[in-house]
Structures are given as structure tokens and as C-alpha cells.
PDB file of N, CA and C in Angstrom:
ATOM      1  N   MET A   1     120.749  91.040 104.037  1.00  0.00           N
ATOM      2  CA  MET A   1     121.498  91.058 105.261  1.00  0.00           C
ATOM      3  C   MET A   1     122.584  92.122 105.161  1.00  0.00           C
ATOM      4  N   GLY A   2     122.764  92.911 106.218  1.00  0.00           N
ATOM      5  CA  GLY A   2     123.769  93.958 106.230  1.00  0.00           C
ATOM      6  C   GLY A   2     125.164  93.405 106.462  1.00  0.00           C
ATOM      7  N   LYS A   3     126.128  94.224 106.186  1.00  0.00           N
ATOM      8  CA  LYS A   3     127.535  93.874 106.376  1.00  0.00           C
ATOM      9  C   LYS A   3     128.123  94.779 107.457  1.00  0.00           C
ATOM     10  N   THR A   4     129.207  94.321 108.080  1.00  0.00           N
ATOM     11  CA  THR A   4     129.900  95.102 109.093  1.00  0.00           C
ATOM     12  C   THR A   4     131.337  95.328 108.659  1.00  0.00           C
ATOM     13  N   LEU A   5     131.771  96.590 108.714  1.00  0.00           N
ATOM     14  CA  LEU A   5     133.154  96.972 108.450  1.00  0.00           C
ATOM     15  C   LEU A   5     133.712  97.488 109.771  1.00  0.00           C
ATOM     16  N   THR A   6     134.769  96.869 110.282  1.00  0.00           N
ATOM     17  CA  THR A   6     135.380  97.289 111.540  1.00  0.00           C
ATOM     18  C   THR A   6     136.718  97.951 111.267  1.00  0.00           C
ATOM     19  N   LEU A   7     136.865  99.188 111.743  1.00  0.00           N
ATOM     20  CA  LEU A   7     138.127  99.908 111.658  1.00  0.00           C
ATOM     21  C   LEU A   7     138.734  99.875 113.055  1.00  0.00           C
ATOM     22  N   ASP A   8     139.796  99.098 113.231  1.00  0.00           N
ATOM     23  CA  ASP A   8     140.424  98.914 114.530  1.00  0.00           C
ATOM     24  C   ASP A   8     141.675  99.778 114.623  1.00  0.00           C
ATOM     25  N   GLY A   9     141.610 100.829 115.435  1.00  0.00           N
ATOM     26  CA  GLY A   9     142.727 101.745 115.583  1.00  0.00           C
ATOM     27  C   GLY A   9     143.775 101.270 116.573  1.00  0.00           C
ATOM     28  N   LYS A  10     143.473 100.209 117.301  1.00  0.00           N
ATOM     29  CA  LYS A  10     144.407  99.628 118.281  1.00  0.00           C
ATOM     30  C   LYS A  10     144.902 100.652 119.289  1.00  0.00           C
ATOM     31  N   GLY A  11     144.094 101.713 119.508  1.00  0.00           N
ATOM     32  CA  GLY A  11     144.411 102.713 120.522  1.00  0.00           C
ATOM     33  C   GLY A  11     145.465 103.724 120.149  1.00  0.00           C
ATOM     34  N   ILE A  12     145.931 103.717 118.894  1.00  0.00           N
ATOM     35  CA  ILE A  12     146.928 104.696 118.459  1.00  0.00           C
ATOM     36  C   ILE A  12     146.347 105.544 117.333  1.00  0.00           C
ATOM     37  N   ASP A  13     146.910 106.733 117.126  1.00  0.00           N
ATOM     38  CA  ASP A  13     146.444 107.601 116.047  1.00  0.00           C
ATOM     39  C   ASP A  13     146.663 106.907 114.716  1.00  0.00           C
ATOM     40  N   GLY A  14     145.671 106.940 113.862  1.00  0.00           N
ATOM     41  CA  GLY A  14     145.780 106.284 112.567  1.00  0.00           C
ATOM     42  C   GLY A  14     144.988 107.006 111.504  1.00  0.00           C
ATOM     43  N   SER A  15     145.118 106.543 110.277  1.00  0.00           N
ATOM     44  CA  SER A  15     144.397 107.121 109.142  1.00  0.00           C
ATOM     45  C   SER A  15     143.856 106.012 108.255  1.00  0.00           C
ATOM     46  N   TRP A  16     142.643 106.210 107.783  1.00  0.00           N
ATOM     47  CA  TRP A  16     142.041 105.329 106.794  1.00  0.00           C
ATOM     48  C   TRP A  16     141.592 106.203 105.643  1.00  0.00           C
ATOM     49  N   ILE A  17     141.935 105.804 104.433  1.00  0.00           N
ATOM     50  CA  ILE A  17     141.496 106.530 103.234  1.00  0.00           C
ATOM     51  C   ILE A  17     140.846 105.526 102.305  1.00  0.00           C
ATOM     52  N   PHE A  18     139.585 105.770 101.981  1.00  0.00           N
ATOM     53  CA  PHE A  18     138.838 104.925 101.054  1.00  0.00           C
ATOM     54  C   PHE A  18     138.610 105.723  99.784  1.00  0.00           C
ATOM     55  N   ASN A  19     139.117 105.238  98.644  1.00  0.00           N
ATOM     56  CA  ASN A  19     138.882 105.860  97.342  1.00  0.00           C
ATOM     57  C   ASN A  19     137.851 105.020  96.612  1.00  0.00           C
ATOM     58  N   ILE A  20     136.684 105.602  96.404  1.00  0.00           N
ATOM     59  CA  ILE A  20     135.547 104.873  95.843  1.00  0.00           C
ATOM     60  C   ILE A  20     135.136 105.545  94.538  1.00  0.00           C
ATOM     61  N   ALA A  21     135.028 104.758  93.489  1.00  0.00           N
ATOM     62  CA  ALA A  21     134.628 105.302  92.187  1.00  0.00           C
ATOM     63  C   ALA A  21     133.110 105.502  92.151  1.00  0.00           C
ATOM     64  N   ASN A  22     132.687 106.692  91.842  1.00  0.00           N
ATOM     65  CA  ASN A  22     131.304 107.076  91.563  1.00  0.00           C
ATOM     66  C   ASN A  22     130.352 107.102  92.751  1.00  0.00           C
ATOM     67  N   TYR A  23     130.068 105.980  93.421  1.00  0.00           N
ATOM     68  CA  TYR A  23     129.001 105.951  94.417  1.00  0.00           C
ATOM     69  C   TYR A  23     129.438 105.243  95.695  1.00  0.00           C
ATOM     70  N   LEU A  24     129.168 105.850  96.830  1.00  0.00           N
ATOM     71  CA  LEU A  24     129.333 105.203  98.130  1.00  0.00           C
ATOM     72  C   LEU A  24     127.923 104.947  98.652  1.00  0.00           C
ATOM     73  N   THR A  25     127.521 103.687  98.630  1.00  0.00           N
ATOM     74  CA  THR A  25     126.169 103.320  99.041  1.00  0.00           C
ATOM     75  C   THR A  25     126.251 102.242 100.112  1.00  0.00           C
ATOM     76  N   PHE A  26     125.635 102.516 101.239  1.00  0.00           N
ATOM     77  CA  PHE A  26     125.566 101.528 102.308  1.00  0.00           C
ATOM     78  C   PHE A  26     124.223 100.827 102.223  1.00  0.00           C
ATOM     79  N   SER A  27     124.246  99.504 102.247  1.00  0.00           N
ATOM     80  CA  SER A  27     122.999  98.745 102.180  1.00  0.00           C
ATOM     81  C   SER A  27     122.299  98.777 103.535  1.00  0.00           C
ATOM     82  N   ALA A  28     121.061  98.351 103.542  1.00  0.00           N
ATOM     83  CA  ALA A  28     120.292  98.306 104.784  1.00  0.00           C
ATOM     84  C   ALA A  28     121.015  97.445 105.811  1.00  0.00           C
ATOM     85  N   ASN A  29     120.960  97.879 107.045  1.00  0.00           N
ATOM     86  CA  ASN A  29     121.543  97.154 108.179  1.00  0.00           C
ATOM     87  C   ASN A  29     123.065  97.038 108.127  1.00  0.00           C
ATOM     88  N   SER A  30     123.722  97.885 107.351  1.00  0.00           N
ATOM     89  CA  SER A  30     125.189  97.898 107.332  1.00  0.00           C
ATOM     90  C   SER A  30     125.700  98.752 108.482  1.00  0.00           C
ATOM     91  N   THR A  31     126.868  98.374 108.995  1.00  0.00           N
ATOM     92  CA  THR A  31     127.433  99.061 110.143  1.00  0.00           C
ATOM     93  C   THR A  31     128.924  99.254 109.945  1.00  0.00           C
ATOM     94  N   VAL A  32     129.416 100.441 110.323  1.00  0.00           N
ATOM     95  CA  VAL A  32     130.851 100.683 110.395  1.00  0.00           C
ATOM     96  C   VAL A  32     131.168 100.856 111.876  1.00  0.00           C
ATOM     97  N   ILE A  33     132.024  99.983 112.394  1.00  0.00           N
ATOM     98  CA  ILE A  33     132.403 100.020 113.802  1.00  0.00           C
ATOM     99  C   ILE A  33     133.776 100.653 113.927  1.00  0.00           C
ATOM    100  N   LEU A  34     133.878 101.659 114.797  1.00  0.00           N
ATOM    101  CA  LEU A  34     135.153 102.288 115.096  1.00  0.00           C
ATOM    102  C   LEU A  34     135.613 101.723 116.431  1.00  0.00           C
ATOM    103  N   LYS A  35     136.583 100.817 116.364  1.00  0.00           N
ATOM    104  CA  LYS A  35     137.068 100.116 117.548  1.00  0.00           C
ATOM    105  C   LYS A  35     138.425 100.688 117.962  1.00  0.00           C
ATOM    106  N   ASP A  36     138.509 101.170 119.184  1.00  0.00           N
ATOM    107  CA  ASP A  36     139.753 101.725 119.726  1.00  0.00           C
ATOM    108  C   ASP A  36     140.362 102.780 118.806  1.00  0.00           C
ATOM    109  N   VAL A  37     139.514 103.621 118.205  1.00  0.00           N
ATOM    110  CA  VAL A  37     139.962 104.711 117.343  1.00  0.00           C
ATOM    111  C   VAL A  37     140.131 105.957 118.207  1.00  0.00           C
ATOM    112  N   THR A  38     141.283 106.630 118.108  1.00  0.00           N
ATOM    113  CA  THR A  38     141.534 107.826 118.910  1.00  0.00           C
ATOM    114  C   THR A  38     140.873 109.048 118.286  1.00  0.00           C
ATOM    115  N   ASP A  39     140.744 110.110 119.084  1.00  0.00           N
ATOM    116  CA  ASP A  39     140.180 111.362 118.576  1.00  0.00           C
ATOM    117  C   ASP A  39     141.071 112.014 117.530  1.00  0.00           C
ATOM    118  N   ASN A  40     142.352 111.666 117.498  1.00  0.00           N
ATOM    119  CA  ASN A  40     143.289 112.227 116.518  1.00  0.00           C
ATOM    120  C   ASN A  40     143.409 111.385 115.257  1.00  0.00           C
ATOM    121  N   SER A  41     142.593 110.374 115.115  1.00  0.00           N
ATOM    122  CA  SER A  41     142.601 109.548 113.903  1.00  0.00           C
ATOM    123  C   SER A  41     141.799 110.231 112.806  1.00  0.00           C
ATOM    124  N   THR A  42     142.066 109.834 111.562  1.00  0.00           N
ATOM    125  CA  THR A  42     141.400 110.426 110.407  1.00  0.00           C
ATOM    126  C   THR A  42     140.777 109.330 109.552  1.00  0.00           C
ATOM    127  N   ILE A  43     139.525 109.560 109.159  1.00  0.00           N
ATOM    128  CA  ILE A  43     138.838 108.658 108.234  1.00  0.00           C
ATOM    129  C   ILE A  43     138.350 109.507 107.069  1.00  0.00           C
ATOM    130  N   ILE A  44     138.805 109.175 105.873  1.00  0.00           N
ATOM    131  CA  ILE A  44     138.433 109.937 104.674  1.00  0.00           C
ATOM    132  C   ILE A  44     137.773 108.986 103.683  1.00  0.00           C
ATOM    133  N   TRP A  45     136.583 109.351 103.242  1.00  0.00           N
ATOM    134  CA  TRP A  45     135.852 108.597 102.218  1.00  0.00           C
ATOM    135  C   TRP A  45     135.865 109.467 100.964  1.00  0.00           C
ATOM    136  N   ASN A  46     136.767 109.200 100.025  1.00  0.00           N
ATOM    137  CA  ASN A  46     136.831 109.935  98.756  1.00  0.00           C
ATOM    138  C   ASN A  46     135.897 109.266  97.765  1.00  0.00           C
ATOM    139  N   VAL A  47     134.821 109.958  97.425  1.00  0.00           N
ATOM    140  CA  VAL A  47     133.864 109.424  96.458  1.00  0.00           C
ATOM    141  C   VAL A  47     134.125 110.158  95.152  1.00  0.00           C
ATOM    142  N   LEU A  48     134.795 109.463  94.240  1.00  0.00           N
ATOM    143  CA  LEU A  48     135.270 110.076  93.004  1.00  0.00           C
ATOM    144  C   LEU A  48     134.173 110.111  91.952  1.00  0.00           C
ATOM    145  N   GLY A  49     134.185 111.134  91.151  1.00  0.00           N
ATOM    146  CA  GLY A  49     133.272 111.197  90.016  1.00  0.00           C
ATOM    147  C   GLY A  49     133.795 110.343  88.871  1.00  0.00           C
ATOM    148  N   ASP A  50     133.199 110.506  87.724  1.00  0.00           N
ATOM    149  CA  ASP A  50     133.653 109.722  86.574  1.00  0.00           C
ATOM    150  C   ASP A  50     134.208 110.622  85.478  1.00  0.00           C
ATOM    151  N   LYS A  51     134.698 110.023  84.422  1.00  0.00           N
ATOM    152  CA  LYS A  51     135.351 110.766  83.338  1.00  0.00           C
ATOM    153  C   LYS A  51     134.398 111.656  82.561  1.00  0.00           C
ATOM    154  N   THR A  52     133.076 111.420  82.692  1.00  0.00           N
ATOM    155  CA  THR A  52     132.124 112.255  81.970  1.00  0.00           C
ATOM    156  C   THR A  52     131.869 113.577  82.686  1.00  0.00           C
ATOM    157  N   GLY A  53     132.434 113.728  83.884  1.00  0.00           N
ATOM    158  CA  GLY A  53     132.259 114.971  84.633  1.00  0.00           C
ATOM    159  C   GLY A  53     131.201 114.897  85.713  1.00  0.00           C
ATOM    160  N   SER A  54     130.588 113.737  85.891  1.00  0.00           N
ATOM    161  CA  SER A  54     129.597 113.590  86.951  1.00  0.00           C
ATOM    162  C   SER A  54     130.293 113.464  88.290  1.00  0.00           C
ATOM    163  N   ALA A  55     129.800 114.195  89.275  1.00  0.00           N
ATOM    164  CA  ALA A  55     130.359 114.102  90.625  1.00  0.00           C
ATOM    165  C   ALA A  55     129.894 112.814  91.277  1.00  0.00           C
ATOM    166  N   GLY A  56     130.704 112.283  92.172  1.00  0.00           N
ATOM    167  CA  GLY A  56     130.300 111.110  92.927  1.00  0.00           C
ATOM    168  C   GLY A  56     129.273 111.495  93.975  1.00  0.00           C
ATOM    169  N   TYR A  57     128.590 110.495  94.540  1.00  0.00           N
ATOM    170  CA  TYR A  57     127.643 110.808  95.602  1.00  0.00           C
ATOM    171  C   TYR A  57     127.541 109.670  96.603  1.00  0.00           C
ATOM    172  N   THR A  58     126.967 110.016  97.746  1.00  0.00           N
ATOM    173  CA  THR A  58     126.852 109.094  98.865  1.00  0.00           C
ATOM    174  C   THR A  58     125.389 108.954  99.257  1.00  0.00           C
ATOM    175  N   THR A  59     124.957 107.708  99.522  1.00  0.00           N
ATOM    176  CA  THR A  59     123.587 107.475  99.977  1.00  0.00           C
ATOM    177  C   THR A  59     123.581 106.444 101.093  1.00  0.00           C
ATOM    178  N   GLY A  60     122.555 106.522 101.925  1.00  0.00           N
ATOM    179  CA  GLY A  60     122.324 105.514 102.944  1.00  0.00           C
ATOM    180  C   GLY A  60     123.371 105.470 104.031  1.00  0.00           C
ATOM    181  N   ALA A  61     124.027 106.606 104.308  1.00  0.00           N
ATOM    182  CA  ALA A  61     125.122 106.573 105.270  1.00  0.00           C
ATOM    183  C   ALA A  61     124.918 107.575 106.393  1.00  0.00           C
ATOM    184  N   GLU A  62     125.203 107.119 107.575  1.00  0.00           N
ATOM    185  CA  GLU A  62     125.430 108.011 108.707  1.00  0.00           C
ATOM    186  C   GLU A  62     126.850 107.695 109.108  1.00  0.00           C
ATOM    187  N   ALA A  63     127.755 108.640 108.922  1.00  0.00           N
ATOM    188  CA  ALA A  63     129.174 108.309 109.037  1.00  0.00           C
ATOM    189  C   ALA A  63     129.917 109.316 109.888  1.00  0.00           C
ATOM    190  N   ARG A  64     131.021 108.861 110.432  1.00  0.00           N
ATOM    191  CA  ARG A  64     131.958 109.731 111.123  1.00  0.00           C
ATOM    192  C   ARG A  64     133.202 109.773 110.262  1.00  0.00           C
ATOM    193  N   GLY A  65     133.646 110.961 109.933  1.00  0.00           N
ATOM    194  CA  GLY A  65     134.813 111.122 109.086  1.00  0.00           C
ATOM    195  C   GLY A  65     134.534 112.181 108.043  1.00  0.00           C
ATOM    196  N   TYR A  66     135.400 112.292 107.077  1.00  0.00           N
ATOM    197  CA  TYR A  66     135.236 113.237 105.982  1.00  0.00           C
ATOM    198  C   TYR A  66     134.727 112.482 104.764  1.00  0.00           C
ATOM    199  N   ILE A  67     133.638 112.978 104.183  1.00  0.00           N
ATOM    200  CA  ILE A  67     133.146 112.394 102.928  1.00  0.00           C
ATOM    201  C   ILE A  67     133.329 113.459 101.859  1.00  0.00           C
ATOM    202  N   ASN A  68     134.199 113.187 100.911  1.00  0.00           N
ATOM    203  CA  ASN A  68     134.491 114.108  99.817  1.00  0.00           C
ATOM    204  C   ASN A  68     133.829 113.604  98.548  1.00  0.00           C
ATOM    205  N   ASN A  69     132.800 114.287  98.090  1.00  0.00           N
ATOM    206  CA  ASN A  69     132.185 113.966  96.814  1.00  0.00           C
ATOM    207  C   ASN A  69     132.738 114.943  95.801  1.00  0.00           C
ATOM    208  N   HIS A  70     133.480 114.471  94.828  1.00  0.00           N
ATOM    209  CA  HIS A  70     134.104 115.383  93.879  1.00  0.00           C
ATOM    210  C   HIS A  70     134.229 114.758  92.498  1.00  0.00           C
ATOM    211  N   LEU A  71     134.635 115.593  91.569  1.00  0.00           N
ATOM    212  CA  LEU A  71     134.802 115.155  90.180  1.00  0.00           C
ATOM    213  C   LEU A  71     136.102 114.409  90.021  1.00  0.00           C
ATOM    214  N   PHE A  72     136.157 113.554  88.992  1.00  0.00           N
ATOM    215  CA  PHE A  72     137.331 112.754  88.661  1.00  0.00           C
ATOM    216  C   PHE A  72     138.458 113.629  88.202  1.00  0.00           C
TER     217      PHE A  72
END
């Protein structure tokens, strides 16, 4: 069963920053809902690499926002 993550901007400019270690993976039937999010809002998904030098990565996502896959 998928999960739902709702980002509620309440109609004002806002920012969300997600710092995720190694992998950003969305399971089947998962949904991210942008509720009352303005065009001037920012959503950043920082997918961090690990100490061995491997870059992070993202799978199974169709997303709105910035997805940064980078080294630790």
C-alpha cells in the first residue's frame, strides 16, 4: 500500500528541505500532495551520498522541486 505525504503551504510562500541519507525511493502508489503551495515556495530534496564517496540517488519519483543528488 502506498503512502501519502501532504505539504500544506497554507497559501503563503514557504520552504521545505528534506535531507535524506543515500537513497530517496518512493514506493508504488506513493503520492506527494502540494496543498495551497504558492509558485514562490521552494521544495528541496537533498539526497546525500555516504562517507565512502558514493553519490546518493533517487528512484520511483515524479516530483516537483529540486532534487540534489550529491556526495557526502
